């Protein structure tokens, strides 16, 4: 399939898809941090997450999606990223998982790492909406809106009691604390808070020196 033929998903559509996956996996309530490996292995089209030595050194990517002769996919992840950069590995795996859920037909000809890297380069050059969809999927599945709002409110209240209403200080500490809890890096957490309108709520609460945050 040509990248131009791939469907465009709205953010609410991706939220619904990720929530369906999470609800099926966590019938008793979503467990944080999300075990992305567990979700991947429960998906019928993905066989394995495979460590790949020097993937990032040689191809400048942390993970790629490989289509196998049986029609299923493996997610190859840079070995050093898996060993030493837990948060980045989580997001990279979730991103490739998003491509399977949203764009699997696009990746059917990715038989080798070189095929996958060439497709990635083409997408980034001319069809960046595909990467935006996969990034949004990764954020939504690792930082579910059902839990993040409540967690943000709890952390905000604790930080304000300790540090007062210094917006920059509170926001940086809040992002760092939540990123650690959710197993992601600072930047994806900051992006997710903005996507869900939580950053605006934090700024408004700080402006009016409100000690509590409405999640």
N, C-alpha and C. Protein backbone atom coordinates (compact mmCIF):
# COMPACT_ATOMS: atom_id res chain seq x y z
N UNK A 1 0.84 -1.19 0.00
CA UNK A 1 0.00 0.00 0.00
C UNK A 1 0.88 1.25 0.00
N UNK A 2 0.47 2.22 -0.78
CA UNK A 2 1.18 3.49 -0.81
C UNK A 2 0.87 4.29 0.46
N UNK A 3 1.86 5.02 0.99
CA UNK A 3 1.59 5.85 2.17
C UNK A 3 0.43 6.82 1.97
N UNK A 4 0.27 7.32 0.75
CA UNK A 4 -0.80 8.29 0.50
C UNK A 4 -2.18 7.67 0.66
N UNK A 5 -2.27 6.33 0.62
CA UNK A 5 -3.56 5.65 0.73
C UNK A 5 -3.90 5.27 2.17
N UNK A 6 -2.99 5.50 3.08
CA UNK A 6 -3.22 5.12 4.47
C UNK A 6 -4.24 6.06 5.10
N UNK A 7 -5.13 5.49 5.89
CA UNK A 7 -6.15 6.29 6.53
C UNK A 7 -5.57 7.25 7.56
N UNK A 8 -6.17 8.42 7.66
CA UNK A 8 -5.79 9.40 8.68
C UNK A 8 -6.74 9.24 9.86
N UNK A 9 -6.18 9.15 11.05
CA UNK A 9 -6.98 8.98 12.25
C UNK A 9 -6.99 10.28 13.06
N UNK A 10 -8.17 10.61 13.55
CA UNK A 10 -8.25 11.74 14.46
C UNK A 10 -7.76 11.30 15.84
N UNK A 11 -7.38 12.28 16.65
CA UNK A 11 -6.93 11.94 18.01
C UNK A 11 -8.01 11.22 18.81
N UNK A 12 -9.29 11.65 18.76
CA UNK A 12 -10.32 10.89 19.48
C UNK A 12 -10.45 9.45 19.00
N UNK A 13 -10.27 9.21 17.71
CA UNK A 13 -10.33 7.84 17.20
C UNK A 13 -9.20 7.00 17.79
N UNK A 14 -8.02 7.58 17.89
CA UNK A 14 -6.89 6.83 18.45
C UNK A 14 -7.11 6.60 19.94
N UNK A 15 -7.66 7.59 20.64
CA UNK A 15 -7.99 7.41 22.06
C UNK A 15 -8.92 6.21 22.23
N UNK A 16 -9.92 6.10 21.38
CA UNK A 16 -10.88 4.99 21.49
C UNK A 16 -10.19 3.65 21.23
N UNK A 17 -9.32 3.61 20.22
CA UNK A 17 -8.64 2.36 19.90
C UNK A 17 -7.73 1.92 21.05
N UNK A 18 -6.98 2.86 21.61
CA UNK A 18 -6.08 2.48 22.70
C UNK A 18 -6.87 2.08 23.94
N UNK A 19 -7.99 2.73 24.20
CA UNK A 19 -8.78 2.37 25.36
C UNK A 19 -9.40 0.99 25.19
N UNK A 20 -9.77 0.62 23.98
CA UNK A 20 -10.28 -0.73 23.74
C UNK A 20 -9.20 -1.77 24.06
N UNK A 21 -7.98 -1.51 23.66
CA UNK A 21 -6.88 -2.43 23.94
C UNK A 21 -6.63 -2.52 25.44
N UNK A 22 -6.60 -1.37 26.11
CA UNK A 22 -6.32 -1.35 27.54
C UNK A 22 -7.45 -2.00 28.33
N UNK A 23 -8.69 -1.75 27.95
CA UNK A 23 -9.83 -2.33 28.66
C UNK A 23 -9.84 -3.85 28.54
N UNK A 24 -9.47 -4.35 27.36
CA UNK A 24 -9.41 -5.80 27.18
C UNK A 24 -8.28 -6.43 27.99
N UNK A 25 -7.18 -5.70 28.13
CA UNK A 25 -6.02 -6.25 28.84
C UNK A 25 -6.14 -6.13 30.35
N UNK A 26 -6.83 -5.08 30.83
CA UNK A 26 -6.91 -4.80 32.26
C UNK A 26 -8.37 -4.74 32.69
N UNK A 27 -9.00 -5.89 32.79
CA UNK A 27 -10.42 -5.93 33.14
C UNK A 27 -10.67 -5.45 34.56
N UNK A 28 -9.66 -5.54 35.43
CA UNK A 28 -9.82 -5.12 36.81
C UNK A 28 -9.35 -3.71 37.07
N UNK A 29 -9.00 -2.97 36.03
CA UNK A 29 -8.48 -1.61 36.19
C UNK A 29 -7.09 -1.50 35.60
N UNK A 30 -6.81 -0.38 34.98
CA UNK A 30 -5.53 -0.18 34.30
C UNK A 30 -4.39 -0.12 35.31
N UNK A 31 -3.34 -0.88 35.04
CA UNK A 31 -2.17 -0.92 35.91
C UNK A 31 -1.05 -0.05 35.34
N UNK A 32 -0.57 0.88 36.15
CA UNK A 32 0.48 1.82 35.76
C UNK A 32 1.77 1.44 36.50
N UNK A 33 2.93 1.42 35.83
CA UNK A 33 3.15 1.74 34.41
C UNK A 33 2.60 0.65 33.50
N UNK A 34 2.22 1.04 32.30
CA UNK A 34 1.70 0.09 31.33
C UNK A 34 2.81 -0.87 30.91
N UNK A 35 2.52 -2.16 30.98
CA UNK A 35 3.46 -3.17 30.49
C UNK A 35 3.24 -3.31 28.99
N UNK A 36 3.96 -2.50 28.21
CA UNK A 36 3.73 -2.47 26.77
C UNK A 36 4.07 -3.80 26.12
N UNK A 37 5.07 -4.51 26.67
CA UNK A 37 5.40 -5.83 26.12
C UNK A 37 4.19 -6.76 26.22
N UNK A 38 3.51 -6.72 27.34
CA UNK A 38 2.32 -7.57 27.53
C UNK A 38 1.26 -7.27 26.49
N UNK A 39 0.99 -6.00 26.24
CA UNK A 39 -0.02 -5.63 25.25
C UNK A 39 0.39 -6.09 23.85
N UNK A 40 1.66 -5.92 23.55
CA UNK A 40 2.16 -6.32 22.23
C UNK A 40 2.00 -7.82 22.03
N UNK A 41 2.37 -8.60 23.03
CA UNK A 41 2.30 -10.05 22.89
C UNK A 41 0.87 -10.57 22.87
N UNK A 42 -0.07 -9.79 23.35
CA UNK A 42 -1.47 -10.19 23.30
C UNK A 42 -2.10 -9.91 21.94
N UNK A 43 -1.40 -9.14 21.11
CA UNK A 43 -1.93 -8.80 19.80
C UNK A 43 -1.67 -9.94 18.82
N UNK A 44 -2.69 -10.33 18.10
CA UNK A 44 -2.58 -11.52 17.26
C UNK A 44 -1.65 -11.40 16.08
N UNK A 45 -1.28 -10.17 15.70
CA UNK A 45 -0.45 -10.00 14.50
C UNK A 45 1.03 -9.82 14.81
N UNK A 46 1.41 -9.82 16.09
CA UNK A 46 2.80 -9.60 16.46
C UNK A 46 3.33 -10.84 17.17
N UNK A 47 4.43 -11.37 16.67
CA UNK A 47 5.01 -12.58 17.25
C UNK A 47 6.01 -12.29 18.36
N UNK A 48 6.88 -11.28 18.15
CA UNK A 48 7.98 -11.13 19.10
C UNK A 48 8.52 -9.71 19.11
N UNK A 49 9.16 -9.37 20.23
CA UNK A 49 9.99 -8.17 20.35
C UNK A 49 11.43 -8.65 20.39
N UNK A 50 12.21 -8.26 19.41
CA UNK A 50 13.53 -8.85 19.20
C UNK A 50 14.64 -7.81 19.42
N UNK A 51 15.55 -8.05 20.37
CA UNK A 51 16.71 -7.15 20.51
C UNK A 51 17.58 -7.22 19.25
N UNK A 52 18.03 -6.07 18.79
CA UNK A 52 18.86 -6.01 17.58
C UNK A 52 20.10 -5.18 17.87
N UNK A 53 21.25 -5.78 17.78
CA UNK A 53 22.49 -5.08 18.07
C UNK A 53 22.78 -4.01 17.01
N UNK A 54 23.21 -2.85 17.50
CA UNK A 54 23.68 -1.75 16.66
C UNK A 54 22.62 -1.21 15.70
N UNK A 55 21.36 -1.44 16.00
CA UNK A 55 20.30 -0.93 15.13
C UNK A 55 20.35 0.59 15.04
N UNK A 56 20.51 1.24 16.18
CA UNK A 56 20.56 2.70 16.17
C UNK A 56 21.88 3.21 15.60
N UNK A 57 22.98 2.54 15.91
CA UNK A 57 24.28 2.97 15.39
C UNK A 57 24.33 2.91 13.87
N UNK A 58 23.77 1.87 13.31
CA UNK A 58 23.89 1.65 11.86
C UNK A 58 22.77 2.32 11.06
N UNK A 59 21.58 2.44 11.67
CA UNK A 59 20.43 2.93 10.89
C UNK A 59 19.75 4.16 11.51
N UNK A 60 20.24 4.59 12.67
CA UNK A 60 19.71 5.79 13.34
C UNK A 60 18.22 5.66 13.68
N UNK A 61 17.80 4.45 14.05
CA UNK A 61 16.43 4.23 14.53
C UNK A 61 16.50 3.35 15.77
N UNK A 62 15.57 3.58 16.70
CA UNK A 62 15.54 2.78 17.92
C UNK A 62 14.75 1.49 17.75
N UNK A 63 13.82 1.47 16.80
CA UNK A 63 13.00 0.28 16.58
C UNK A 63 12.44 0.29 15.17
N UNK A 64 12.20 -0.89 14.63
CA UNK A 64 11.56 -1.03 13.32
C UNK A 64 10.60 -2.21 13.35
N UNK A 65 9.70 -2.20 12.40
CA UNK A 65 8.70 -3.25 12.26
C UNK A 65 9.06 -4.12 11.06
N UNK A 66 9.14 -5.44 11.28
CA UNK A 66 9.49 -6.37 10.21
C UNK A 66 8.32 -7.32 9.96
N UNK A 67 7.90 -7.42 8.69
CA UNK A 67 6.85 -8.35 8.31
C UNK A 67 7.47 -9.68 7.91
N UNK A 68 6.95 -10.77 8.47
CA UNK A 68 7.54 -12.09 8.27
C UNK A 68 6.75 -12.90 7.23
N UNK A 69 7.32 -14.00 6.74
CA UNK A 69 6.61 -14.80 5.73
C UNK A 69 5.24 -15.30 6.18
N UNK A 70 5.05 -15.47 7.50
CA UNK A 70 3.74 -15.93 7.99
C UNK A 70 2.71 -14.81 8.07
N UNK A 71 3.11 -13.60 7.65
CA UNK A 71 2.20 -12.47 7.67
C UNK A 71 2.16 -11.72 8.98
N UNK A 72 2.84 -12.23 9.99
CA UNK A 72 2.91 -11.55 11.29
C UNK A 72 4.11 -10.62 11.34
N UNK A 73 4.20 -9.85 12.42
CA UNK A 73 5.26 -8.87 12.57
C UNK A 73 6.14 -9.19 13.76
N UNK A 74 7.41 -8.80 13.65
CA UNK A 74 8.32 -8.69 14.79
C UNK A 74 8.68 -7.22 14.94
N UNK A 75 8.82 -6.79 16.20
CA UNK A 75 9.34 -5.46 16.47
C UNK A 75 10.80 -5.61 16.87
N UNK A 76 11.70 -5.08 16.07
CA UNK A 76 13.12 -5.09 16.38
C UNK A 76 13.47 -3.82 17.14
N UNK A 77 14.14 -3.97 18.28
CA UNK A 77 14.49 -2.84 19.12
C UNK A 77 15.99 -2.84 19.37
N UNK A 78 16.60 -1.69 19.25
CA UNK A 78 18.04 -1.57 19.48
C UNK A 78 18.41 -2.14 20.84
N UNK A 79 19.41 -3.02 20.87
CA UNK A 79 19.79 -3.71 22.09
C UNK A 79 20.21 -2.74 23.20
N UNK A 80 21.01 -1.76 22.87
CA UNK A 80 21.46 -0.81 23.88
C UNK A 80 20.30 0.00 24.44
N UNK A 81 19.34 0.34 23.58
CA UNK A 81 18.15 1.07 24.05
C UNK A 81 17.36 0.22 25.04
N UNK A 82 17.19 -1.06 24.73
CA UNK A 82 16.50 -1.97 25.63
C UNK A 82 17.23 -2.09 26.97
N UNK A 83 18.55 -2.17 26.90
CA UNK A 83 19.34 -2.42 28.11
C UNK A 83 19.49 -1.18 28.99
N UNK A 84 19.59 -0.01 28.36
CA UNK A 84 20.01 1.19 29.11
C UNK A 84 19.05 2.36 29.07
N UNK A 85 18.04 2.31 28.21
CA UNK A 85 17.14 3.45 28.05
C UNK A 85 15.69 2.96 28.07
N UNK A 86 15.26 2.55 29.26
CA UNK A 86 13.95 1.92 29.44
C UNK A 86 12.82 2.76 28.89
N UNK A 87 12.80 4.05 29.21
CA UNK A 87 11.70 4.91 28.80
C UNK A 87 11.64 5.04 27.28
N UNK A 88 12.79 5.22 26.66
CA UNK A 88 12.80 5.35 25.19
C UNK A 88 12.39 4.05 24.53
N UNK A 89 12.85 2.93 25.08
CA UNK A 89 12.47 1.62 24.53
C UNK A 89 10.95 1.44 24.60
N UNK A 90 10.36 1.80 25.74
CA UNK A 90 8.91 1.70 25.90
C UNK A 90 8.17 2.47 24.81
N UNK A 91 8.58 3.72 24.62
CA UNK A 91 7.88 4.55 23.64
C UNK A 91 8.10 4.03 22.22
N UNK A 92 9.31 3.57 21.93
CA UNK A 92 9.60 3.04 20.59
C UNK A 92 8.78 1.81 20.29
N UNK A 93 8.65 0.91 21.27
CA UNK A 93 7.84 -0.28 21.08
C UNK A 93 6.37 0.10 20.89
N UNK A 94 5.89 1.04 21.71
CA UNK A 94 4.50 1.48 21.59
C UNK A 94 4.25 2.15 20.24
N UNK A 95 5.22 2.88 19.74
CA UNK A 95 5.10 3.54 18.44
C UNK A 95 4.96 2.49 17.32
N UNK A 96 5.81 1.48 17.34
CA UNK A 96 5.71 0.43 16.32
C UNK A 96 4.42 -0.37 16.47
N UNK A 97 4.00 -0.59 17.70
CA UNK A 97 2.71 -1.23 17.95
C UNK A 97 1.59 -0.41 17.31
N UNK A 98 1.70 0.90 17.42
CA UNK A 98 0.72 1.77 16.80
C UNK A 98 0.66 1.59 15.29
N UNK A 99 1.81 1.42 14.66
CA UNK A 99 1.82 1.18 13.22
C UNK A 99 1.08 -0.12 12.88
N UNK A 100 1.23 -1.15 13.70
CA UNK A 100 0.52 -2.41 13.45
C UNK A 100 -0.99 -2.19 13.56
N UNK A 101 -1.41 -1.51 14.61
CA UNK A 101 -2.84 -1.31 14.84
C UNK A 101 -3.45 -0.39 13.79
N UNK A 102 -2.72 0.65 13.41
CA UNK A 102 -3.28 1.68 12.54
C UNK A 102 -2.92 1.51 11.07
N UNK A 103 -1.70 0.97 10.80
CA UNK A 103 -1.17 1.04 9.43
C UNK A 103 -0.56 -0.28 8.97
N UNK A 104 -1.10 -1.42 9.41
CA UNK A 104 -0.41 -2.69 9.16
C UNK A 104 -0.19 -2.96 7.67
N UNK A 105 -1.15 -2.58 6.82
CA UNK A 105 -1.00 -2.86 5.39
C UNK A 105 0.14 -2.07 4.76
N UNK A 106 0.48 -0.95 5.37
CA UNK A 106 1.59 -0.14 4.87
C UNK A 106 2.92 -0.86 5.03
N UNK A 107 3.00 -1.73 6.04
CA UNK A 107 4.29 -2.33 6.42
C UNK A 107 4.48 -3.75 5.90
N UNK A 108 3.60 -4.24 5.03
CA UNK A 108 3.67 -5.65 4.61
C UNK A 108 4.92 -5.95 3.79
N UNK A 109 5.52 -4.95 3.17
CA UNK A 109 6.72 -5.19 2.35
C UNK A 109 8.02 -4.93 3.10
N UNK A 110 7.91 -4.70 4.41
CA UNK A 110 9.11 -4.47 5.22
C UNK A 110 9.68 -5.82 5.66
N UNK A 111 10.42 -6.45 4.78
CA UNK A 111 10.97 -7.78 5.06
C UNK A 111 12.33 -7.72 5.75
N UNK A 112 13.00 -6.59 5.59
CA UNK A 112 14.33 -6.42 6.18
C UNK A 112 14.39 -5.09 6.91
N UNK A 113 15.45 -4.91 7.69
CA UNK A 113 15.64 -3.63 8.37
C UNK A 113 15.77 -2.51 7.34
N UNK A 114 16.48 -2.80 6.27
CA UNK A 114 16.67 -1.78 5.22
C UNK A 114 15.32 -1.36 4.62
N UNK A 115 14.42 -2.33 4.41
CA UNK A 115 13.09 -1.99 3.90
C UNK A 115 12.36 -1.06 4.86
N UNK A 116 12.41 -1.40 6.14
CA UNK A 116 11.70 -0.62 7.15
C UNK A 116 12.28 0.79 7.28
N UNK A 117 13.60 0.90 7.24
CA UNK A 117 14.24 2.21 7.36
C UNK A 117 13.90 3.07 6.14
N UNK A 118 13.89 2.47 4.96
CA UNK A 118 13.55 3.22 3.75
C UNK A 118 12.10 3.73 3.81
N UNK A 119 11.19 2.88 4.30
CA UNK A 119 9.80 3.31 4.44
C UNK A 119 9.67 4.44 5.46
N UNK A 120 10.38 4.30 6.58
CA UNK A 120 10.34 5.35 7.61
C UNK A 120 10.81 6.69 7.06
N UNK A 121 11.89 6.65 6.27
CA UNK A 121 12.42 7.89 5.69
C UNK A 121 11.40 8.51 4.74
N UNK A 122 10.74 7.68 3.97
CA UNK A 122 9.75 8.18 3.01
C UNK A 122 8.55 8.80 3.74
N UNK A 123 8.13 8.14 4.81
CA UNK A 123 7.01 8.66 5.60
C UNK A 123 7.36 10.01 6.19
N UNK A 124 8.54 10.11 6.79
CA UNK A 124 8.93 11.36 7.45
C UNK A 124 9.09 12.49 6.46
N UNK A 125 9.45 12.17 5.23
CA UNK A 125 9.66 13.20 4.22
C UNK A 125 8.35 13.75 3.67
N UNK A 126 7.39 12.85 3.40
CA UNK A 126 6.20 13.28 2.68
C UNK A 126 4.87 12.95 3.34
N UNK A 127 4.87 12.06 4.32
CA UNK A 127 3.61 11.61 4.89
C UNK A 127 3.71 11.62 6.42
N UNK A 128 4.05 12.78 6.96
CA UNK A 128 4.33 12.82 8.39
C UNK A 128 3.10 12.60 9.26
N UNK A 129 1.88 12.66 8.66
CA UNK A 129 0.68 12.38 9.45
C UNK A 129 0.69 10.94 9.96
N UNK A 130 1.36 10.04 9.25
CA UNK A 130 1.45 8.64 9.68
C UNK A 130 2.27 8.54 10.96
N UNK A 131 3.39 9.26 11.01
CA UNK A 131 4.21 9.27 12.22
C UNK A 131 3.48 9.98 13.36
N UNK A 132 2.77 11.04 13.06
CA UNK A 132 2.01 11.73 14.10
C UNK A 132 0.96 10.81 14.72
N UNK A 133 0.29 10.02 13.86
CA UNK A 133 -0.69 9.06 14.38
C UNK A 133 -0.04 8.02 15.28
N UNK A 134 1.12 7.49 14.86
CA UNK A 134 1.79 6.46 15.66
C UNK A 134 2.32 7.04 16.97
N UNK A 135 2.81 8.28 16.93
CA UNK A 135 3.28 8.93 18.16
C UNK A 135 2.12 9.19 19.11
N UNK A 136 0.99 9.62 18.57
CA UNK A 136 -0.17 9.86 19.43
C UNK A 136 -0.64 8.55 20.05
N UNK A 137 -0.65 7.49 19.26
CA UNK A 137 -1.03 6.16 19.77
C UNK A 137 -0.11 5.76 20.92
N UNK A 138 1.20 5.94 20.74
CA UNK A 138 2.15 5.56 21.78
C UNK A 138 1.89 6.33 23.07
N UNK A 139 1.65 7.64 22.95
CA UNK A 139 1.36 8.43 24.13
C UNK A 139 0.07 8.02 24.80
N UNK A 140 -0.96 7.75 23.99
CA UNK A 140 -2.27 7.42 24.54
C UNK A 140 -2.27 6.06 25.24
N UNK A 141 -1.50 5.12 24.73
CA UNK A 141 -1.52 3.79 25.33
C UNK A 141 -0.60 3.70 26.55
N UNK A 142 0.48 4.48 26.57
CA UNK A 142 1.38 4.47 27.72
C UNK A 142 0.93 5.41 28.83
N UNK A 143 0.17 6.45 28.46
CA UNK A 143 -0.29 7.44 29.43
C UNK A 143 -1.80 7.63 29.27
N UNK A 144 -2.59 6.64 29.68
CA UNK A 144 -4.03 6.67 29.42
C UNK A 144 -4.72 7.86 30.10
N UNK A 145 -5.66 8.45 29.39
CA UNK A 145 -6.35 9.61 29.96
C UNK A 145 -7.13 9.24 31.21
N UNK A 146 -7.56 7.99 31.33
CA UNK A 146 -8.36 7.58 32.49
C UNK A 146 -7.57 7.63 33.79
N UNK A 147 -6.28 7.46 33.71
CA UNK A 147 -5.46 7.48 34.93
C UNK A 147 -4.64 8.75 35.06
N UNK A 148 -4.26 9.35 33.93
CA UNK A 148 -3.31 10.46 33.99
C UNK A 148 -3.91 11.70 34.64
N UNK A 149 -5.19 11.96 34.41
CA UNK A 149 -5.80 13.13 35.01
C UNK A 149 -5.78 13.07 36.53
N UNK A 150 -6.17 11.94 37.08
CA UNK A 150 -6.17 11.79 38.54
C UNK A 150 -4.76 11.83 39.11
N UNK A 151 -3.83 11.18 38.44
CA UNK A 151 -2.45 11.19 38.92
C UNK A 151 -1.87 12.60 38.87
N UNK A 152 -2.19 13.35 37.83
CA UNK A 152 -1.72 14.72 37.72
C UNK A 152 -2.24 15.57 38.87
N UNK A 153 -3.50 15.41 39.21
CA UNK A 153 -4.09 16.18 40.31
C UNK A 153 -3.41 15.85 41.63
N UNK A 154 -3.15 14.57 41.87
CA UNK A 154 -2.51 14.16 43.13
C UNK A 154 -1.09 14.72 43.24
N UNK A 155 -0.33 14.62 42.16
CA UNK A 155 1.05 15.11 42.18
C UNK A 155 1.06 16.63 42.31
N UNK A 156 0.19 17.31 41.57
CA UNK A 156 0.11 18.77 41.65
C UNK A 156 -0.13 19.22 43.09
N UNK A 157 -1.11 18.62 43.75
CA UNK A 157 -1.46 19.03 45.11
C UNK A 157 -0.29 18.83 46.06
N UNK A 158 0.42 17.71 45.92
CA UNK A 158 1.57 17.46 46.79
C UNK A 158 2.69 18.45 46.53
N UNK A 159 2.93 18.77 45.28
CA UNK A 159 4.01 19.70 44.95
C UNK A 159 3.70 21.11 45.41
N UNK A 160 2.45 21.54 45.25
CA UNK A 160 2.08 22.90 45.67
C UNK A 160 2.21 23.04 47.18
N UNK A 161 1.86 22.00 47.92
CA UNK A 161 2.01 22.06 49.38
C UNK A 161 3.47 22.23 49.77
N UNK A 162 4.37 21.65 48.99
CA UNK A 162 5.79 21.68 49.32
C UNK A 162 6.50 22.91 48.76
N UNK A 163 6.18 23.29 47.52
CA UNK A 163 6.96 24.31 46.82
C UNK A 163 6.20 25.60 46.51
N UNK A 164 4.93 25.65 46.82
CA UNK A 164 4.18 26.86 46.51
C UNK A 164 3.76 26.93 45.05
N UNK A 165 3.56 28.15 44.53
CA UNK A 165 2.95 28.34 43.21
C UNK A 165 3.94 28.88 42.18
N UNK A 166 5.12 28.34 42.14
CA UNK A 166 6.11 28.67 41.11
C UNK A 166 5.82 27.78 39.90
N UNK A 167 5.24 28.34 38.85
CA UNK A 167 4.77 27.54 37.72
C UNK A 167 5.87 26.69 37.09
N UNK A 168 7.01 27.30 36.77
CA UNK A 168 8.07 26.56 36.10
C UNK A 168 8.59 25.43 36.96
N UNK A 169 8.80 25.71 38.23
CA UNK A 169 9.29 24.68 39.14
C UNK A 169 8.28 23.56 39.28
N UNK A 170 7.03 23.90 39.53
CA UNK A 170 5.98 22.89 39.72
C UNK A 170 5.80 22.06 38.46
N UNK A 171 5.76 22.73 37.31
CA UNK A 171 5.49 21.99 36.07
C UNK A 171 6.63 21.03 35.74
N UNK A 172 7.87 21.47 35.91
CA UNK A 172 9.01 20.59 35.64
C UNK A 172 9.00 19.39 36.59
N UNK A 173 8.77 19.64 37.87
CA UNK A 173 8.76 18.54 38.84
C UNK A 173 7.57 17.60 38.59
N UNK A 174 6.45 18.17 38.20
CA UNK A 174 5.28 17.35 37.92
C UNK A 174 5.53 16.44 36.73
N UNK A 175 6.07 17.00 35.65
CA UNK A 175 6.38 16.19 34.47
C UNK A 175 7.38 15.09 34.80
N UNK A 176 8.41 15.43 35.55
CA UNK A 176 9.44 14.44 35.91
C UNK A 176 8.85 13.33 36.75
N UNK A 177 8.01 13.69 37.73
CA UNK A 177 7.41 12.70 38.61
C UNK A 177 6.48 11.76 37.85
N UNK A 178 5.64 12.35 37.01
CA UNK A 178 4.71 11.52 36.24
C UNK A 178 5.43 10.68 35.19
N UNK A 179 6.48 11.23 34.58
CA UNK A 179 7.25 10.46 33.59
C UNK A 179 7.84 9.21 34.24
N UNK A 180 8.37 9.37 35.44
CA UNK A 180 8.94 8.22 36.15
C UNK A 180 7.85 7.20 36.46
N UNK A 181 6.71 7.65 36.92
CA UNK A 181 5.61 6.73 37.26
C UNK A 181 5.12 5.97 36.03
N UNK A 182 5.06 6.63 34.90
CA UNK A 182 4.49 6.01 33.70
C UNK A 182 5.54 5.34 32.81
N UNK A 183 6.80 5.40 33.19
CA UNK A 183 7.83 4.73 32.41
C UNK A 183 8.10 5.35 31.07
N UNK A 184 8.02 6.70 31.01
CA UNK A 184 8.29 7.42 29.77
C UNK A 184 9.30 8.52 30.06
N UNK A 185 9.75 9.19 29.02
CA UNK A 185 10.67 10.32 29.17
C UNK A 185 9.89 11.60 29.44
N UNK A 186 10.61 12.64 29.84
CA UNK A 186 10.01 13.93 30.18
C UNK A 186 9.20 14.50 29.02
N UNK A 187 9.80 14.53 27.83
CA UNK A 187 9.15 15.20 26.70
C UNK A 187 7.82 14.55 26.30
N UNK A 188 7.76 13.22 26.15
CA UNK A 188 6.45 12.63 25.85
C UNK A 188 5.39 12.93 26.91
N UNK A 189 5.81 12.97 28.18
CA UNK A 189 4.84 13.31 29.23
C UNK A 189 4.36 14.75 29.07
N UNK A 190 5.28 15.68 28.81
CA UNK A 190 4.88 17.08 28.61
C UNK A 190 3.91 17.21 27.43
N UNK A 191 4.18 16.48 26.36
CA UNK A 191 3.30 16.52 25.19
C UNK A 191 1.92 15.97 25.53
N UNK A 192 1.90 14.86 26.27
CA UNK A 192 0.62 14.24 26.62
C UNK A 192 -0.22 15.14 27.52
N UNK A 193 0.41 15.79 28.47
CA UNK A 193 -0.32 16.71 29.34
C UNK A 193 -0.95 17.85 28.53
N UNK A 194 -0.22 18.31 27.53
CA UNK A 194 -0.76 19.37 26.67
C UNK A 194 -1.91 18.84 25.82
N UNK A 195 -1.75 17.63 25.25
CA UNK A 195 -2.80 17.03 24.42
C UNK A 195 -4.12 16.90 25.17
N UNK A 196 -4.04 16.54 26.44
CA UNK A 196 -5.24 16.31 27.22
C UNK A 196 -5.78 17.56 27.91
N UNK A 197 -5.15 18.69 27.65
CA UNK A 197 -5.61 19.93 28.25
C UNK A 197 -5.21 20.09 29.70
N UNK A 198 -4.35 19.20 30.20
CA UNK A 198 -3.95 19.26 31.60
C UNK A 198 -2.95 20.38 31.86
N UNK A 199 -2.12 20.68 30.89
CA UNK A 199 -1.19 21.79 31.08
C UNK A 199 -1.94 23.11 31.29
N UNK A 200 -2.98 23.31 30.48
CA UNK A 200 -3.77 24.53 30.64
C UNK A 200 -4.40 24.59 32.03
N UNK A 201 -4.92 23.45 32.51
CA UNK A 201 -5.52 23.43 33.85
C UNK A 201 -4.49 23.76 34.92
N UNK A 202 -3.28 23.24 34.74
CA UNK A 202 -2.21 23.52 35.70
C UNK A 202 -1.87 25.01 35.68
N UNK A 203 -1.74 25.59 34.50
CA UNK A 203 -1.41 27.01 34.39
C UNK A 203 -2.50 27.87 35.02
N UNK A 204 -3.78 27.52 34.78
CA UNK A 204 -4.87 28.29 35.37
C UNK A 204 -4.86 28.18 36.89
N UNK A 205 -4.64 26.95 37.38
CA UNK A 205 -4.61 26.76 38.84
C UNK A 205 -3.46 27.53 39.48
N UNK A 206 -2.32 27.55 38.82
CA UNK A 206 -1.18 28.28 39.35
C UNK A 206 -1.44 29.79 39.32
N UNK A 207 -2.06 30.25 38.26
CA UNK A 207 -2.32 31.69 38.11
C UNK A 207 -3.20 32.20 39.26
N UNK A 208 -4.19 31.40 39.64
CA UNK A 208 -5.11 31.81 40.70
C UNK A 208 -4.75 31.20 42.06
N UNK A 209 -3.55 30.61 42.11
CA UNK A 209 -3.02 30.05 43.35
C UNK A 209 -4.00 29.07 44.01
N UNK A 210 -4.56 28.19 43.17
CA UNK A 210 -5.48 27.17 43.64
C UNK A 210 -4.69 25.97 44.12
N UNK A 211 -4.93 25.46 45.32
CA UNK A 211 -4.13 24.36 45.85
C UNK A 211 -4.51 22.99 45.29
N UNK A 212 -5.67 22.92 44.63
CA UNK A 212 -6.14 21.64 44.11
C UNK A 212 -6.38 21.76 42.61
N UNK A 213 -6.31 20.62 41.94
CA UNK A 213 -6.50 20.60 40.48
C UNK A 213 -7.68 19.71 40.17
N UNK A 214 -8.60 20.22 39.34
CA UNK A 214 -9.74 19.41 38.89
C UNK A 214 -9.27 18.53 37.75
N UNK A 215 -9.21 17.19 37.94
CA UNK A 215 -8.71 16.33 36.88
C UNK A 215 -9.67 16.24 35.70
